[in-house]
């Protein structure tokens, strides 16, 4: 193999490694925190409201965050159980079915709680603020920072 070909391969590997490590560095230390799993957050909707409205509903959002984190832990545990059943050496159809049912139930609870929280928040807003909140649900890019 020619020296120039070996050099080109080493250069390519070095470039790929640098891009990979650079991506990790930028992702870890940038201002945006990337979510590893879907979390039902209302923040992207609330950001469409004027600052005064956001301050008004801040206590509701804080209460919501605490309960949401607990529920997300339940979902994570249910997902772990599904993964465990899928990768078990002795496949058990019944246990997998039960695990999936539990996951579905936990996700349903989370969605129901998010809807309840949205109702609580909307009840604290006036008509104009609710209209702004509604418009935010129709945007193509909901999660902007």
Protein backbone atom coordinates (compact mmCIF):
# COMPACT_ATOMS: atom_id res chain seq x y z
CA UNK A 1 0.00 0.00 0.00
CA UNK A 2 1.34 3.43 -0.87
CA UNK A 3 2.25 5.86 1.89
CA UNK A 4 -0.13 8.47 0.50
CA UNK A 5 -3.04 6.02 0.67
CA UNK A 6 -2.22 5.09 4.28
CA UNK A 7 -1.92 8.78 5.13
CA UNK A 8 -5.33 9.49 3.52
CA UNK A 9 -6.97 6.68 5.51
CA UNK A 10 -5.43 7.91 8.78
CA UNK A 11 -6.51 11.46 7.96
CA UNK A 12 -10.07 10.31 7.24
CA UNK A 13 -10.26 8.31 10.48
CA UNK A 14 -8.88 11.29 12.41
CA UNK A 15 -11.46 13.61 10.83
CA UNK A 16 -14.32 11.24 11.66
CA UNK A 17 -13.13 10.84 15.24
CA UNK A 18 -12.77 14.61 15.67
CA UNK A 19 -16.25 15.24 14.30
CA UNK A 20 -17.69 12.58 16.60
CA UNK A 21 -15.95 13.92 19.71
CA UNK A 22 -16.75 17.51 18.71
CA UNK A 23 -20.42 16.61 18.41
CA UNK A 24 -20.42 15.07 21.86
CA UNK A 25 -18.66 18.13 23.30
CA UNK A 26 -21.06 20.60 21.67
CA UNK A 27 -24.10 18.55 22.68
CA UNK A 28 -22.96 18.21 26.27
CA UNK A 29 -21.91 21.78 26.89
CA UNK A 30 -24.29 23.77 24.72
CA UNK A 31 -27.15 25.70 26.27
CA UNK A 32 -29.76 23.34 24.82
CA UNK A 33 -30.39 20.21 26.79
CA UNK A 34 -31.39 17.35 24.53
CA UNK A 35 -34.04 15.02 25.91
CA UNK A 36 -33.17 11.33 25.82
CA UNK A 37 -36.80 10.33 25.90
CA UNK A 38 -40.01 12.05 25.14
CA UNK A 39 -41.25 14.05 28.07
CA UNK A 40 -44.68 15.57 28.13
CA UNK A 41 -43.81 19.16 28.83
CA UNK A 42 -46.02 22.15 28.42
CA UNK A 43 -43.08 24.56 28.34
CA UNK A 44 -43.06 24.82 24.56
CA UNK A 45 -46.66 26.02 24.71
CA UNK A 46 -46.12 28.36 27.64
CA UNK A 47 -43.26 30.12 25.85
CA UNK A 48 -45.78 31.64 23.44
CA UNK A 49 -47.36 33.59 26.30
CA UNK A 50 -46.31 37.08 27.41
CA UNK A 51 -43.86 37.15 30.31
CA UNK A 52 -46.51 38.44 32.74
CA UNK A 53 -48.72 35.44 31.95
CA UNK A 54 -45.80 33.05 32.36
CA UNK A 55 -45.09 34.51 35.80
CA UNK A 56 -48.76 34.13 36.75
CA UNK A 57 -48.82 30.39 36.01
CA UNK A 58 -45.28 29.63 37.23
CA UNK A 59 -46.50 27.99 40.50
CA UNK A 60 -48.71 25.62 38.47
CA UNK A 61 -45.78 24.74 36.23
CA UNK A 62 -43.52 24.01 39.20
CA UNK A 63 -46.16 21.72 40.71
CA UNK A 64 -46.55 20.05 37.33
CA UNK A 65 -42.79 19.48 36.97
CA UNK A 66 -42.53 17.59 40.26
CA UNK A 67 -45.40 15.25 39.44
CA UNK A 68 -44.25 14.79 35.85
CA UNK A 69 -40.76 13.72 36.90
CA UNK A 70 -42.24 11.03 39.15
CA UNK A 71 -44.48 9.79 36.35
CA UNK A 72 -41.57 9.76 33.89
CA UNK A 73 -39.71 7.48 36.29
CA UNK A 74 -42.69 5.09 36.16
CA UNK A 75 -42.55 5.10 32.35
CA UNK A 76 -38.81 4.49 32.39
CA UNK A 77 -39.29 1.49 34.69
CA UNK A 78 -42.06 0.13 32.45
CA UNK A 79 -39.84 0.52 29.36
CA UNK A 80 -37.01 -1.26 31.17
CA UNK A 81 -39.34 -4.16 31.93
CA UNK A 82 -40.44 -4.36 28.28
CA UNK A 83 -36.79 -4.40 27.21
CA UNK A 84 -36.05 -7.10 29.78
CA UNK A 85 -38.86 -9.27 28.43
CA UNK A 86 -37.82 -8.74 24.81
CA UNK A 87 -34.22 -9.72 25.51
CA UNK A 88 -34.89 -12.59 27.92
CA UNK A 89 -33.35 -15.90 26.83
CA UNK A 90 -36.61 -17.69 27.53
CA UNK A 91 -39.25 -15.61 25.72
CA UNK A 92 -42.54 -15.38 27.60
CA UNK A 93 -45.40 -14.00 25.54
CA UNK A 94 -47.62 -13.42 28.59
CA UNK A 95 -44.99 -11.46 30.52
CA UNK A 96 -44.21 -9.31 27.49
CA UNK A 97 -47.90 -8.64 27.01
CA UNK A 98 -48.23 -7.63 30.68
CA UNK A 99 -45.16 -5.39 30.44
CA UNK A 100 -46.53 -3.66 27.35
CA UNK A 101 -49.90 -3.20 29.05
CA UNK A 102 -48.19 -1.58 32.03
CA UNK A 103 -46.22 0.73 29.73
CA UNK A 104 -49.39 1.69 27.87
CA UNK A 105 -51.15 2.37 31.19
CA UNK A 106 -48.32 4.57 32.49
CA UNK A 107 -48.18 6.53 29.23
CA UNK A 108 -51.95 6.99 29.40
CA UNK A 109 -51.66 8.32 32.97
CA UNK A 110 -49.03 10.78 31.82
CA UNK A 111 -51.16 12.00 28.96
CA UNK A 112 -54.19 12.35 31.22
CA UNK A 113 -52.16 14.34 33.74
CA UNK A 114 -50.83 16.62 31.01
CA UNK A 115 -54.37 17.30 29.85
CA UNK A 116 -55.48 18.02 33.41
CA UNK A 117 -52.57 20.41 33.85
CA UNK A 118 -53.40 22.16 30.57
CA UNK A 119 -56.95 22.69 31.83
CA UNK A 120 -55.62 24.15 35.10
CA UNK A 121 -53.26 26.47 33.24
CA UNK A 122 -55.91 27.56 30.72
CA UNK A 123 -58.32 28.37 33.55
CA UNK A 124 -55.80 30.93 34.87
CA UNK A 125 -55.53 32.70 31.50
CA UNK A 126 -57.72 35.25 29.79
CA UNK A 127 -59.17 34.77 26.30
CA UNK A 128 -56.25 36.39 24.45
CA UNK A 129 -53.70 34.31 26.36
CA UNK A 130 -55.64 31.11 25.68
CA UNK A 131 -55.73 31.99 21.99
CA UNK A 132 -51.93 32.44 22.00
CA UNK A 133 -51.60 29.11 23.78
CA UNK A 134 -53.80 27.46 21.16
CA UNK A 135 -51.82 28.97 18.28
CA UNK A 136 -48.61 27.52 19.70
CA UNK A 137 -49.98 24.00 19.26
CA UNK A 138 -50.30 24.53 15.51
CA UNK A 139 -46.71 25.57 14.82
CA UNK A 140 -44.51 23.26 12.82
CA UNK A 141 -41.52 23.64 15.17
CA UNK A 142 -42.92 23.47 18.65
CA UNK A 143 -39.66 23.11 20.56
CA UNK A 144 -37.66 26.24 20.05
CA UNK A 145 -35.31 27.87 22.52
